[in-house]
Every structure is written in structure tokens, then in C-alpha cells.
């Protein structure tokens, strides 16, 4: 089980298998923006999953720094409230 696939599945609300498939499809992406996206990834949770998988595949640093920021912002806000 890949950590990236697990995180994508949890954040997008899909099963691990669907997230794994989205990561595989994103990895096979050759850079052509107008290529068709499979129907299961064109709306709803599947679209969120495919978007996260594409970001994780093409811009891995952005993906991981964004996840760190999601965790850091509430902590920094709490520190700001407690220490005035």
C-alpha cells in the first residue's frame, strides 16, 4: 500500500483501488491536455481523486508541501491564539 495512494483515497473519498487506478492513469499521462479522461474521473469524488493523483505525479513537491500546510495552519492558529 502506497502512502500517496492512501492519502489521495482518504482526501477524495474514494476506495483505495479507485485511487490506485487514478494514480496509474495519471502516471501514463503524456502531457497532452486535451486527451480524454476516463468517465469515472470526470465528476464528483473521482474528479477530485484524479486531480490529486495528477498533482502528486507531475508536481510531487507541491503535493507534499500542500499536505504539510493543511496540517500546519491549524497548529499555527492555535499557537497565535494561546500566545497572543
Protein backbone atom coordinates (compact mmCIF):
# COMPACT_ATOMS: atom_id res chain seq x y z
CA UNK A 1 0.00 0.00 0.00
CA UNK A 2 1.40 3.31 -1.11
CA UNK A 3 1.19 6.25 1.27
CA UNK A 4 0.40 8.63 -1.58
CA UNK A 5 -2.44 6.46 -2.85
CA UNK A 6 -3.84 6.07 0.68
CA UNK A 7 -3.77 9.83 1.27
CA UNK A 8 -5.44 10.51 -2.08
CA UNK A 9 -8.15 7.94 -1.31
CA UNK A 10 -8.86 9.45 2.11
CA UNK A 11 -8.90 13.07 0.90
CA UNK A 12 -11.08 12.42 -2.12
CA UNK A 13 -13.46 9.92 -0.51
CA UNK A 14 -12.91 7.01 -2.88
CA UNK A 15 -11.71 3.46 -2.37
CA UNK A 16 -8.03 2.55 -2.40
CA UNK A 17 -8.49 0.69 -5.69
CA UNK A 18 -10.03 3.74 -7.39
CA UNK A 19 -7.20 5.95 -6.11
CA UNK A 20 -4.63 3.43 -7.33
CA UNK A 21 -6.27 3.42 -10.76
CA UNK A 22 -6.26 7.24 -10.83
CA UNK A 23 -2.55 7.25 -9.97
CA UNK A 24 -1.85 4.71 -12.70
CA UNK A 25 -3.79 6.76 -15.26
CA UNK A 26 -2.02 9.96 -14.14
CA UNK A 27 1.35 8.22 -14.42
CA UNK A 28 0.52 7.21 -18.00
CA UNK A 29 -0.35 10.83 -18.85
CA UNK A 30 1.96 12.01 -21.64
CA UNK A 31 1.35 15.75 -21.29
CA UNK A 32 -1.46 16.11 -23.83
CA UNK A 33 -4.01 18.30 -22.05
CA UNK A 34 -6.91 17.51 -24.36
CA UNK A 35 -6.70 13.73 -24.05
CA UNK A 36 -9.88 12.17 -22.77
CA UNK A 37 -10.20 11.43 -19.08
CA UNK A 38 -12.00 8.18 -18.20
CA UNK A 39 -15.66 8.76 -17.33
CA UNK A 40 -15.20 7.59 -13.74
CA UNK A 41 -12.78 10.51 -13.18
CA UNK A 42 -14.82 13.24 -14.83
CA UNK A 43 -17.10 14.28 -11.96
CA UNK A 44 -17.54 14.12 -8.18
CA UNK A 45 -15.14 12.21 -5.96
CA UNK A 46 -13.47 10.60 -8.96
CA UNK A 47 -12.55 14.02 -10.35
CA UNK A 48 -11.05 15.05 -7.00
CA UNK A 49 -9.14 11.79 -6.90
CA UNK A 50 -7.77 12.20 -10.42
CA UNK A 51 -6.81 15.83 -9.77
CA UNK A 52 -4.86 14.89 -6.64
CA UNK A 53 -3.21 11.98 -8.45
CA UNK A 54 -2.18 14.27 -11.31
CA UNK A 55 -0.70 16.80 -8.91
CA UNK A 56 1.11 14.05 -6.99
CA UNK A 57 2.52 12.66 -10.23
CA UNK A 58 3.52 15.87 -12.00
CA UNK A 59 4.31 18.14 -9.03
CA UNK A 60 5.21 15.89 -6.12
CA UNK A 61 6.78 18.67 -4.03
CA UNK A 62 3.64 20.81 -4.34
CA UNK A 63 1.52 17.84 -3.23
CA UNK A 64 3.58 17.13 -0.10
CA UNK A 65 4.11 20.79 0.86
CA UNK A 66 0.37 21.36 0.45
CA UNK A 67 -0.39 18.47 2.78
CA UNK A 68 2.07 19.86 5.32
CA UNK A 69 0.40 23.27 5.05
CA UNK A 70 -3.03 21.75 5.66
CA UNK A 71 -1.68 20.32 8.92
CA UNK A 72 0.38 23.39 9.88
CA UNK A 73 -2.24 26.13 9.53
CA UNK A 74 -4.48 25.00 12.45
CA UNK A 75 -1.41 24.48 14.65
CA UNK A 76 -0.11 27.95 13.85
CA UNK A 77 -3.54 29.47 14.51
CA UNK A 78 -3.71 27.72 17.87
CA UNK A 79 -0.24 28.98 18.81
CA UNK A 80 -1.27 32.50 17.80
CA UNK A 81 -4.40 32.34 19.98
CA UNK A 82 -2.59 30.90 23.00
CA UNK A 83 0.41 33.24 22.88
CA UNK A 84 -1.42 36.37 21.79
